Amino acid sequence: MNESTHNFETQRDLERETADPAAVAIADGVRHGLDPRSIPLQRVVGRIVTACVSLALAAGVAVAWAAGGPPPGVVAAIVSGWAVITGGLGWWLHRWAALHYRYASYTVNEEDIEIRSGVVWRKAISVPRSRVQHTDVSQGPLERRYGLGTLGIYTAGTDYAKVSVDGLEHETALRIRDHLLPPAGADAV
């Protein structure tokens, strides 16, 4: 190892030793999955969506019925179609939560954050810290109930100007947000 490489590594080790221990722990370079509580959260959201779609379909059937009523054979087909759509959507959204969880992950390094997602079409987005303009952590009522949050990362540019990671433990999302912010006294982009 030459002298310049040794000095760089020594400097980097010194920076890690003097850095905030929580920040070093979050920027470990290891791929992390989402919090397991994101599965039941997504399943609750799926049930709400299924109920809304089912009620909308039922309302449509009621309006058609009030407009003169379809013939008896059509009634059985409409009710069967409603049951199949409601049941299929409910099953798919229940199953989708586990699939989304399996294929979503993030990696935080000193220099960037990489976010991987997608079940059918997979994508990996790497956001350098130097491009981060601002970040936010949000929690809806259901996320708050499960102790989860969504990290939003805003960058300069048009493609992926906002990248978000949902299904993070709220405290983890806050720690990543703090890590991505520029050090005190430094100016971002």
Protein backbone atom coordinates (compact mmCIF):
# COMPACT_ATOMS: atom_id res chain seq x y z
CA MET A 1 0.00 0.00 0.00
CA ASN A 2 1.46 3.35 -0.98
CA GLU A 3 1.66 6.39 1.28
CA SER A 4 -1.25 8.33 -0.29
CA THR A 5 -3.63 5.35 0.03
CA HIS A 6 -2.57 4.84 3.63
CA ASN A 7 -3.19 8.53 4.44
CA PHE A 8 -6.63 8.39 2.81
CA GLU A 9 -7.62 5.26 4.75
CA THR A 10 -6.28 6.73 8.00
CA GLN A 11 -8.22 9.95 7.39
CA ARG A 12 -11.39 7.96 6.65
CA ASP A 13 -10.97 5.88 9.83
CA LEU A 14 -10.46 9.09 11.83
CA GLU A 15 -13.64 10.59 10.35
CA ARG A 16 -15.60 7.48 11.32
CA GLU A 17 -14.25 7.54 14.86
CA THR A 18 -15.21 11.20 15.35
CA ALA A 19 -18.55 10.91 13.56
CA ASP A 20 -21.86 10.43 15.30
CA PRO A 21 -22.09 6.70 16.19
CA ALA A 22 -25.74 6.51 15.12
CA ALA A 23 -24.87 7.92 11.69
CA VAL A 24 -22.07 5.40 11.21
CA ALA A 25 -24.39 2.56 12.20
CA ILE A 26 -27.01 3.56 9.63
CA ALA A 27 -24.43 3.91 6.82
CA ASP A 28 -23.20 0.34 7.10
CA GLY A 29 -23.28 -0.54 3.39
CA VAL A 30 -25.49 -3.57 4.08
CA ARG A 31 -28.66 -4.23 2.12
CA HIS A 32 -31.65 -3.97 4.47
CA GLY A 33 -35.19 -5.10 3.84
CA LEU A 34 -38.26 -3.19 4.87
CA ASP A 35 -39.69 -3.54 8.34
CA PRO A 36 -41.80 -6.73 8.58
CA ARG A 37 -44.69 -4.66 9.96
CA SER A 38 -45.10 -3.27 6.44
CA ILE A 39 -46.81 -6.53 5.38
CA PRO A 40 -49.81 -6.24 7.75
CA LEU A 41 -49.99 -2.50 7.01
CA GLN A 42 -50.20 -3.13 3.25
CA ARG A 43 -52.79 -5.85 3.86
CA VAL A 44 -54.98 -3.40 5.79
CA VAL A 45 -54.64 -0.92 2.92
CA GLY A 46 -55.55 -3.74 0.51
CA ARG A 47 -58.69 -4.51 2.50
CA ILE A 48 -59.71 -0.85 2.42
CA VAL A 49 -59.16 -0.67 -1.37
CA THR A 50 -61.07 -3.93 -1.88
CA ALA A 51 -63.98 -2.65 0.23
CA CYS A 52 -64.12 0.62 -1.72
CA VAL A 53 -64.06 -1.16 -5.10
CA SER A 54 -66.64 -3.68 -3.90
CA LEU A 55 -68.97 -0.93 -2.65
CA ALA A 56 -68.59 0.98 -5.93
CA LEU A 57 -69.48 -2.14 -7.92
CA ALA A 58 -72.45 -2.82 -5.62
CA ALA A 59 -73.62 0.76 -6.09
CA GLY A 60 -73.40 0.31 -9.87
CA VAL A 61 -75.50 -2.86 -9.65
CA ALA A 62 -78.04 -1.03 -7.46
CA VAL A 63 -78.31 1.82 -9.98
CA ALA A 64 -78.79 -0.67 -12.84
CA TRP A 65 -81.42 -2.47 -10.78
CA ALA A 66 -83.27 0.76 -10.04
CA ALA A 67 -83.23 1.71 -13.71
CA GLY A 68 -85.50 -1.17 -14.64
CA GLY A 69 -83.82 -4.27 -13.39
CA PRO A 70 -81.98 -6.69 -15.57
CA PRO A 71 -83.47 -10.06 -16.53
CA PRO A 72 -83.07 -12.85 -13.90
CA GLY A 73 -80.21 -14.63 -15.74
CA VAL A 74 -78.24 -11.40 -15.91
CA VAL A 75 -78.68 -10.84 -12.15
CA ALA A 76 -76.88 -14.11 -11.40
CA ALA A 77 -74.07 -13.17 -13.80
CA ILE A 78 -73.71 -9.69 -12.27
CA VAL A 79 -73.63 -11.02 -8.70
CA SER A 80 -71.13 -13.72 -9.72
CA GLY A 81 -68.95 -11.14 -11.48
CA TRP A 82 -69.09 -8.87 -8.44
CA ALA A 83 -68.06 -11.77 -6.15
CA VAL A 84 -65.21 -12.83 -8.46
CA ILE A 85 -63.86 -9.28 -8.83
CA THR A 86 -64.10 -8.57 -5.09
CA GLY A 87 -62.60 -11.91 -4.09
CA GLY A 88 -59.85 -11.77 -6.72
CA LEU A 89 -58.86 -8.23 -5.86
CA GLY A 90 -58.86 -9.01 -2.13
CA TRP A 91 -56.72 -12.12 -2.65
CA TRP A 92 -54.29 -10.31 -4.97
CA LEU A 93 -53.80 -7.33 -2.67
CA HIS A 94 -53.31 -9.67 0.31
CA ARG A 95 -50.67 -11.61 -1.60
CA TRP A 96 -49.05 -8.51 -3.10
CA ALA A 97 -48.00 -7.20 0.33
CA ALA A 98 -45.62 -10.15 0.87
CA LEU A 99 -44.26 -9.93 -2.68
CA HIS A 100 -43.55 -6.21 -2.35
CA TYR A 101 -41.81 -6.83 0.98
CA ARG A 102 -39.63 -9.59 -0.50
CA TYR A 103 -38.28 -7.47 -3.35
CA ALA A 104 -37.91 -4.06 -1.66
CA SER A 105 -34.63 -3.13 0.03
CA TYR A 106 -32.26 -0.25 0.63
CA THR A 107 -28.54 0.21 1.24
CA VAL A 108 -27.08 3.28 2.94
CA ASN A 109 -23.39 4.07 2.40
CA GLU A 110 -21.31 7.07 3.33
CA GLU A 111 -21.67 8.40 -0.23
CA ASP A 112 -25.18 7.37 -1.31
CA ILE A 113 -28.39 5.44 -0.75
CA GLU A 114 -29.51 2.69 -3.11
CA ILE A 115 -33.17 1.71 -3.25
CA ARG A 116 -34.31 -1.53 -4.90
CA SER A 117 -37.93 -2.39 -5.59
CA GLY A 118 -40.23 -4.08 -8.04
CA VAL A 119 -41.84 -7.48 -8.32
CA VAL A 120 -42.34 -7.70 -12.08
CA TRP A 121 -40.30 -4.70 -13.27
CA ARG A 122 -37.39 -4.31 -10.93
CA LYS A 123 -35.43 -1.13 -10.49
CA ALA A 124 -32.43 0.02 -8.51
CA ILE A 125 -32.04 3.73 -7.85
CA SER A 126 -28.84 5.14 -6.42
CA VAL A 127 -29.02 8.65 -4.99
CA PRO A 128 -25.66 10.27 -4.15
CA ARG A 129 -25.69 12.37 -0.97
CA SER A 130 -24.26 15.28 -2.97
CA ARG A 131 -27.47 15.36 -5.09
CA VAL A 132 -29.90 15.36 -2.15
CA GLN A 133 -31.61 18.73 -1.84
CA HIS A 134 -33.92 17.89 1.04
CA THR A 135 -35.58 14.96 2.72
CA ASP A 136 -38.72 14.35 4.71
CA VAL A 137 -40.25 11.60 6.79
CA SER A 138 -44.02 11.25 6.76
CA GLN A 139 -46.49 9.09 8.66
CA GLY A 140 -50.12 8.57 7.86
CA PRO A 141 -52.54 7.34 10.52
CA LEU A 142 -52.09 3.67 9.58
CA GLU A 143 -48.30 4.01 9.42
CA ARG A 144 -48.33 5.65 12.84
CA ARG A 145 -50.36 2.74 14.22
CA TYR A 146 -47.69 0.29 13.01
CA GLY A 147 -44.72 2.51 13.95
CA LEU A 148 -43.65 2.93 10.33
CA GLY A 149 -42.82 5.90 8.14
CA THR A 150 -42.03 6.90 4.59
CA LEU A 151 -38.71 8.54 3.74
CA GLY A 152 -38.90 11.05 0.88
CA ILE A 153 -35.66 12.11 -0.84
CA TYR A 154 -35.74 15.09 -3.19
CA THR A 155 -32.95 15.63 -5.72
CA ALA A 156 -32.07 18.06 -8.45
CA GLY A 157 -33.12 16.84 -11.87
CA THR A 158 -36.20 15.57 -13.64
CA ASP A 159 -35.94 11.77 -13.53
CA TYR A 160 -36.55 10.49 -10.02
CA ALA A 161 -36.62 14.02 -8.60
CA LYS A 162 -38.44 12.47 -5.65
CA VAL A 163 -37.60 9.01 -4.44
CA SER A 164 -39.42 7.46 -1.52
CA VAL A 165 -38.96 4.42 0.65
CA ASP A 166 -42.07 3.27 2.47
CA GLY A 167 -42.26 0.57 5.10
CA LEU A 168 -39.34 1.79 7.22
CA GLU A 169 -39.41 1.84 10.98
CA HIS A 170 -40.04 5.48 11.86
CA GLU A 171 -36.81 5.86 13.86
CA THR A 172 -34.79 4.27 11.05
CA ALA A 173 -36.35 6.66 8.53
CA LEU A 174 -35.38 9.61 10.75
CA ARG A 175 -31.80 8.32 11.11
CA ILE A 176 -31.43 7.88 7.34
CA ARG A 177 -32.88 11.36 6.80
CA ASP A 178 -30.34 12.83 9.23
CA HIS A 179 -27.51 10.91 7.56
CA LEU A 180 -28.43 12.18 4.08
CA LEU A 181 -28.52 15.82 5.18
CA PRO A 182 -25.26 17.74 4.67
CA PRO A 183 -23.04 18.17 7.73
CA ALA A 184 -23.55 21.28 9.81
CA GLY A 185 -22.03 24.29 8.10
CA ALA A 186 -21.81 22.53 4.72
CA ASP A 187 -23.87 23.61 1.77
CA ALA A 188 -25.78 21.09 -0.35
CA VAL A 189 -25.99 21.19 -4.14
